[in-house]
Amino acid sequence: MKNILQHINKAFDHRIRLGIMSILMVNEYADFNTLKELLGVTDGNLASHAKALEGEKYITIEKQFIGKKPNTRYIATKEGRKAFKDHIDALEKLIQKG
């Protein structure tokens, strides 16, 4: 049991971070407005949680302009994908033990 708990990643313990990574695991990328709409969060909430994931090097944030409008998109890194998969695997093992 202790070994399983070691693989539960605190970076994903908040529902917004869990949601961001879940979306990015099944999409090549997602832009700010898409994540905001899918997760039902405020601009500030999304930005702060994305920044936390970026700090862990689990996502990259790309800022660009489309026409004259700013566009921010988020991409899961290879390291982030592995960490998230390990986290989900640990949760599944924990549930199976119960």
N, C-alpha and C. Protein backbone atom coordinates (compact mmCIF):
# COMPACT_ATOMS: atom_id res chain seq x y z
N MET A 1 0.82 -1.19 0.00
CA MET A 1 0.00 0.00 0.00
C MET A 1 0.87 1.26 0.00
N LYS A 2 1.91 1.27 0.84
CA LYS A 2 2.78 2.44 0.92
C LYS A 2 3.45 2.71 -0.42
N ASN A 3 3.86 1.65 -1.12
CA ASN A 3 4.49 1.79 -2.42
C ASN A 3 3.54 2.43 -3.43
N ILE A 4 2.28 2.06 -3.39
CA ILE A 4 1.28 2.63 -4.30
C ILE A 4 1.12 4.13 -4.02
N LEU A 5 1.06 4.50 -2.76
CA LEU A 5 0.85 5.90 -2.39
C LEU A 5 2.02 6.78 -2.83
N GLN A 6 3.20 6.21 -2.93
CA GLN A 6 4.36 6.98 -3.38
C GLN A 6 4.22 7.45 -4.82
N HIS A 7 3.40 6.77 -5.60
CA HIS A 7 3.21 7.12 -7.01
C HIS A 7 2.05 8.08 -7.23
N ILE A 8 1.34 8.43 -6.18
CA ILE A 8 0.28 9.43 -6.30
C ILE A 8 0.96 10.80 -6.27
N ASN A 9 0.78 11.54 -7.33
CA ASN A 9 1.52 12.78 -7.54
C ASN A 9 0.73 13.98 -7.02
N LYS A 10 1.29 14.71 -6.08
CA LYS A 10 0.61 15.86 -5.48
C LYS A 10 0.34 16.97 -6.49
N ALA A 11 1.10 17.00 -7.59
CA ALA A 11 0.86 18.01 -8.62
C ALA A 11 -0.53 17.86 -9.24
N PHE A 12 -1.10 16.67 -9.14
CA PHE A 12 -2.41 16.40 -9.74
C PHE A 12 -3.52 16.29 -8.69
N ASP A 13 -3.27 16.73 -7.47
CA ASP A 13 -4.27 16.52 -6.42
C ASP A 13 -5.43 17.52 -6.46
N HIS A 14 -5.32 18.54 -7.28
CA HIS A 14 -6.42 19.50 -7.41
C HIS A 14 -7.23 19.17 -8.66
N ARG A 15 -8.53 19.30 -8.57
CA ARG A 15 -9.40 18.89 -9.69
C ARG A 15 -9.11 19.66 -10.97
N ILE A 16 -8.69 20.92 -10.87
CA ILE A 16 -8.41 21.70 -12.08
C ILE A 16 -7.16 21.17 -12.77
N ARG A 17 -6.12 20.87 -12.02
CA ARG A 17 -4.90 20.31 -12.61
C ARG A 17 -5.17 18.93 -13.19
N LEU A 18 -5.96 18.16 -12.48
CA LEU A 18 -6.35 16.84 -12.98
C LEU A 18 -7.11 16.99 -14.30
N GLY A 19 -8.00 17.98 -14.35
CA GLY A 19 -8.78 18.23 -15.56
C GLY A 19 -7.91 18.70 -16.72
N ILE A 20 -7.00 19.62 -16.46
CA ILE A 20 -6.09 20.11 -17.51
C ILE A 20 -5.33 18.94 -18.11
N MET A 21 -4.74 18.12 -17.25
CA MET A 21 -3.94 17.00 -17.76
C MET A 21 -4.81 15.97 -18.47
N SER A 22 -6.01 15.72 -17.97
CA SER A 22 -6.91 14.76 -18.62
C SER A 22 -7.22 15.21 -20.04
N ILE A 23 -7.49 16.49 -20.20
CA ILE A 23 -7.80 17.03 -21.54
C ILE A 23 -6.57 16.93 -22.44
N LEU A 24 -5.40 17.28 -21.90
CA LEU A 24 -4.19 17.27 -22.72
C LEU A 24 -3.69 15.87 -23.05
N MET A 25 -4.09 14.89 -22.28
CA MET A 25 -3.69 13.51 -22.57
C MET A 25 -4.38 12.97 -23.83
N VAL A 26 -5.56 13.50 -24.14
CA VAL A 26 -6.31 12.99 -25.29
C VAL A 26 -6.36 13.98 -26.45
N ASN A 27 -5.68 15.11 -26.30
CA ASN A 27 -5.60 16.11 -27.35
C ASN A 27 -4.14 16.54 -27.52
N GLU A 28 -3.76 16.85 -28.74
CA GLU A 28 -2.39 17.30 -28.99
C GLU A 28 -2.12 18.59 -28.21
N TYR A 29 -3.12 19.45 -28.14
CA TYR A 29 -3.03 20.70 -27.37
C TYR A 29 -4.44 21.20 -27.11
N ALA A 30 -4.55 22.18 -26.23
CA ALA A 30 -5.84 22.85 -25.98
C ALA A 30 -5.54 24.32 -25.73
N ASP A 31 -6.41 25.19 -26.24
CA ASP A 31 -6.18 26.61 -25.99
C ASP A 31 -6.88 27.05 -24.70
N PHE A 32 -6.55 28.25 -24.29
CA PHE A 32 -7.04 28.78 -23.01
C PHE A 32 -8.56 28.73 -22.92
N ASN A 33 -9.24 29.25 -23.94
CA ASN A 33 -10.70 29.31 -23.89
C ASN A 33 -11.34 27.94 -23.87
N THR A 34 -10.77 26.99 -24.57
CA THR A 34 -11.29 25.62 -24.56
C THR A 34 -11.18 25.02 -23.16
N LEU A 35 -10.00 25.15 -22.55
CA LEU A 35 -9.83 24.62 -21.19
C LEU A 35 -10.77 25.31 -20.22
N LYS A 36 -10.86 26.62 -20.33
CA LYS A 36 -11.71 27.40 -19.43
C LYS A 36 -13.17 26.93 -19.53
N GLU A 37 -13.64 26.74 -20.74
CA GLU A 37 -15.02 26.30 -20.96
C GLU A 37 -15.25 24.87 -20.48
N LEU A 38 -14.35 23.96 -20.84
CA LEU A 38 -14.52 22.55 -20.46
C LEU A 38 -14.45 22.36 -18.94
N LEU A 39 -13.59 23.13 -18.28
CA LEU A 39 -13.40 22.96 -16.85
C LEU A 39 -14.31 23.85 -16.01
N GLY A 40 -14.92 24.86 -16.63
CA GLY A 40 -15.82 25.75 -15.91
C GLY A 40 -15.10 26.55 -14.83
N VAL A 41 -13.95 27.11 -15.17
CA VAL A 41 -13.15 27.86 -14.21
C VAL A 41 -12.96 29.31 -14.66
N THR A 42 -12.49 30.13 -13.73
CA THR A 42 -12.20 31.52 -14.07
C THR A 42 -10.84 31.63 -14.75
N ASP A 43 -10.61 32.78 -15.38
CA ASP A 43 -9.32 33.02 -16.04
C ASP A 43 -8.16 32.85 -15.06
N GLY A 44 -8.28 33.49 -13.90
CA GLY A 44 -7.21 33.45 -12.91
C GLY A 44 -6.94 32.07 -12.37
N ASN A 45 -8.02 31.32 -12.13
CA ASN A 45 -7.89 29.95 -11.63
C ASN A 45 -7.15 29.08 -12.64
N LEU A 46 -7.57 29.17 -13.89
CA LEU A 46 -6.93 28.36 -14.93
C LEU A 46 -5.46 28.75 -15.08
N ALA A 47 -5.20 30.04 -15.11
CA ALA A 47 -3.82 30.51 -15.28
C ALA A 47 -2.92 30.05 -14.14
N SER A 48 -3.40 30.13 -12.91
CA SER A 48 -2.55 29.75 -11.78
C SER A 48 -2.27 28.24 -11.75
N HIS A 49 -3.27 27.44 -12.07
CA HIS A 49 -3.06 25.99 -12.08
C HIS A 49 -2.19 25.56 -13.27
N ALA A 50 -2.36 26.22 -14.41
CA ALA A 50 -1.51 25.93 -15.57
C ALA A 50 -0.07 26.30 -15.26
N LYS A 51 0.12 27.41 -14.59
CA LYS A 51 1.47 27.84 -14.22
C LYS A 51 2.13 26.83 -13.28
N ALA A 52 1.35 26.26 -12.36
CA ALA A 52 1.88 25.24 -11.45
C ALA A 52 2.33 24.01 -12.23
N LEU A 53 1.53 23.58 -13.21
CA LEU A 53 1.90 22.42 -14.03
C LEU A 53 3.11 22.73 -14.90
N GLU A 54 3.18 23.97 -15.39
CA GLU A 54 4.34 24.38 -16.18
C GLU A 54 5.60 24.37 -15.29
N GLY A 55 5.46 24.81 -14.06
CA GLY A 55 6.58 24.81 -13.13
C GLY A 55 7.14 23.42 -12.86
N GLU A 56 6.25 22.42 -12.93
CA GLU A 56 6.67 21.01 -12.76
C GLU A 56 7.21 20.43 -14.07
N LYS A 57 7.14 21.23 -15.13
CA LYS A 57 7.54 20.81 -16.48
C LYS A 57 6.62 19.72 -17.04
N TYR A 58 5.37 19.74 -16.60
CA TYR A 58 4.38 18.78 -17.09
C TYR A 58 3.62 19.30 -18.31
N ILE A 59 3.62 20.62 -18.49
CA ILE A 59 3.01 21.21 -19.68
C ILE A 59 3.90 22.33 -20.18
N THR A 60 3.74 22.65 -21.46
CA THR A 60 4.36 23.86 -22.00
C THR A 60 3.23 24.80 -22.37
N ILE A 61 3.51 26.09 -22.25
CA ILE A 61 2.53 27.12 -22.58
C ILE A 61 3.10 27.92 -23.75
N GLU A 62 2.33 27.96 -24.84
CA GLU A 62 2.75 28.71 -26.02
C GLU A 62 1.81 29.89 -26.21
N LYS A 63 2.39 31.06 -26.34
CA LYS A 63 1.60 32.27 -26.58
C LYS A 63 1.89 32.75 -27.99
N GLN A 64 0.83 33.07 -28.71
CA GLN A 64 0.97 33.54 -30.09
C GLN A 64 -0.20 34.47 -30.41
N PHE A 65 -0.17 35.04 -31.58
CA PHE A 65 -1.29 35.85 -32.05
C PHE A 65 -1.90 35.17 -33.26
N ILE A 66 -3.23 35.14 -33.26
CA ILE A 66 -3.96 34.67 -34.44
C ILE A 66 -4.67 35.92 -34.95
N GLY A 67 -4.17 36.42 -36.06
CA GLY A 67 -4.62 37.74 -36.49
C GLY A 67 -4.10 38.74 -35.48
N LYS A 68 -5.01 39.49 -34.89
CA LYS A 68 -4.61 40.46 -33.86
C LYS A 68 -5.00 40.00 -32.46
N LYS A 69 -5.52 38.79 -32.37
CA LYS A 69 -5.97 38.28 -31.07
C LYS A 69 -4.90 37.38 -30.44
N PRO A 70 -4.64 37.59 -29.15
CA PRO A 70 -3.70 36.69 -28.48
C PRO A 70 -4.31 35.30 -28.32
N ASN A 71 -3.47 34.29 -28.41
CA ASN A 71 -3.92 32.92 -28.24
C ASN A 71 -2.88 32.17 -27.41
N THR A 72 -3.36 31.54 -26.36
CA THR A 72 -2.48 30.75 -25.49
C THR A 72 -2.90 29.30 -25.62
N ARG A 73 -1.93 28.45 -25.88
CA ARG A 73 -2.25 27.03 -25.94
C ARG A 73 -1.33 26.24 -25.04
N TYR A 74 -1.85 25.11 -24.60
CA TYR A 74 -1.18 24.27 -23.62
C TYR A 74 -0.94 22.90 -24.23
N ILE A 75 0.25 22.36 -23.96
CA ILE A 75 0.64 21.07 -24.51
C ILE A 75 1.28 20.25 -23.38
N ALA A 76 0.86 19.00 -23.24
CA ALA A 76 1.48 18.12 -22.24
C ALA A 76 2.86 17.72 -22.74
N THR A 77 3.85 17.79 -21.85
CA THR A 77 5.20 17.36 -22.20
C THR A 77 5.29 15.84 -22.08
N LYS A 78 6.36 15.29 -22.61
CA LYS A 78 6.59 13.84 -22.47
C LYS A 78 6.67 13.47 -20.99
N GLU A 79 7.38 14.29 -20.22
CA GLU A 79 7.51 14.06 -18.78
C GLU A 79 6.14 14.15 -18.09
N GLY A 80 5.34 15.12 -18.52
CA GLY A 80 4.00 15.29 -17.94
C GLY A 80 3.09 14.11 -18.25
N ARG A 81 3.17 13.62 -19.47
CA ARG A 81 2.35 12.47 -19.86
C ARG A 81 2.71 11.24 -19.02
N LYS A 82 4.02 11.04 -18.82
CA LYS A 82 4.46 9.89 -18.03
C LYS A 82 4.03 10.05 -16.57
N ALA A 83 4.22 11.23 -16.01
CA ALA A 83 3.85 11.47 -14.61
C ALA A 83 2.35 11.28 -14.41
N PHE A 84 1.55 11.76 -15.36
CA PHE A 84 0.10 11.63 -15.23
C PHE A 84 -0.34 10.18 -15.36
N LYS A 85 0.27 9.46 -16.30
CA LYS A 85 -0.05 8.04 -16.47
C LYS A 85 0.31 7.27 -15.20
N ASP A 86 1.47 7.55 -14.64
CA ASP A 86 1.88 6.89 -13.39
C ASP A 86 0.90 7.20 -12.27
N HIS A 87 0.44 8.44 -12.21
CA HIS A 87 -0.53 8.87 -11.19
C HIS A 87 -1.84 8.10 -11.34
N ILE A 88 -2.35 8.03 -12.56
CA ILE A 88 -3.61 7.31 -12.82
C ILE A 88 -3.44 5.82 -12.52
N ASP A 89 -2.32 5.25 -12.93
CA ASP A 89 -2.05 3.83 -12.64
C ASP A 89 -2.05 3.57 -11.13
N ALA A 90 -1.44 4.49 -10.35
CA ALA A 90 -1.40 4.33 -8.90
C ALA A 90 -2.81 4.42 -8.31
N LEU A 91 -3.62 5.34 -8.81
CA LEU A 91 -5.01 5.45 -8.33
C LEU A 91 -5.79 4.18 -8.63
N GLU A 92 -5.59 3.63 -9.83
CA GLU A 92 -6.29 2.39 -10.20
C GLU A 92 -5.87 1.24 -9.30
N LYS A 93 -4.58 1.15 -8.98
CA LYS A 93 -4.10 0.09 -8.09
C LYS A 93 -4.66 0.26 -6.69
N LEU A 94 -4.75 1.49 -6.27
CA LEU A 94 -5.31 1.79 -4.93
C LEU A 94 -6.78 1.37 -4.87
N ILE A 95 -7.53 1.65 -5.91
CA ILE A 95 -8.95 1.28 -5.96
C ILE A 95 -9.10 -0.24 -5.98
N GLN A 96 -8.26 -0.93 -6.72
CA GLN A 96 -8.32 -2.39 -6.81
C GLN A 96 -8.00 -3.06 -5.48
N LYS A 97 -7.17 -2.41 -4.67
CA LYS A 97 -6.83 -2.97 -3.34
C LYS A 97 -8.01 -2.89 -2.38
N GLY A 98 -8.87 -1.87 -2.61
CA GLY A 98 -9.97 -1.59 -1.67
C GLY A 98 -11.09 -2.52 -1.72
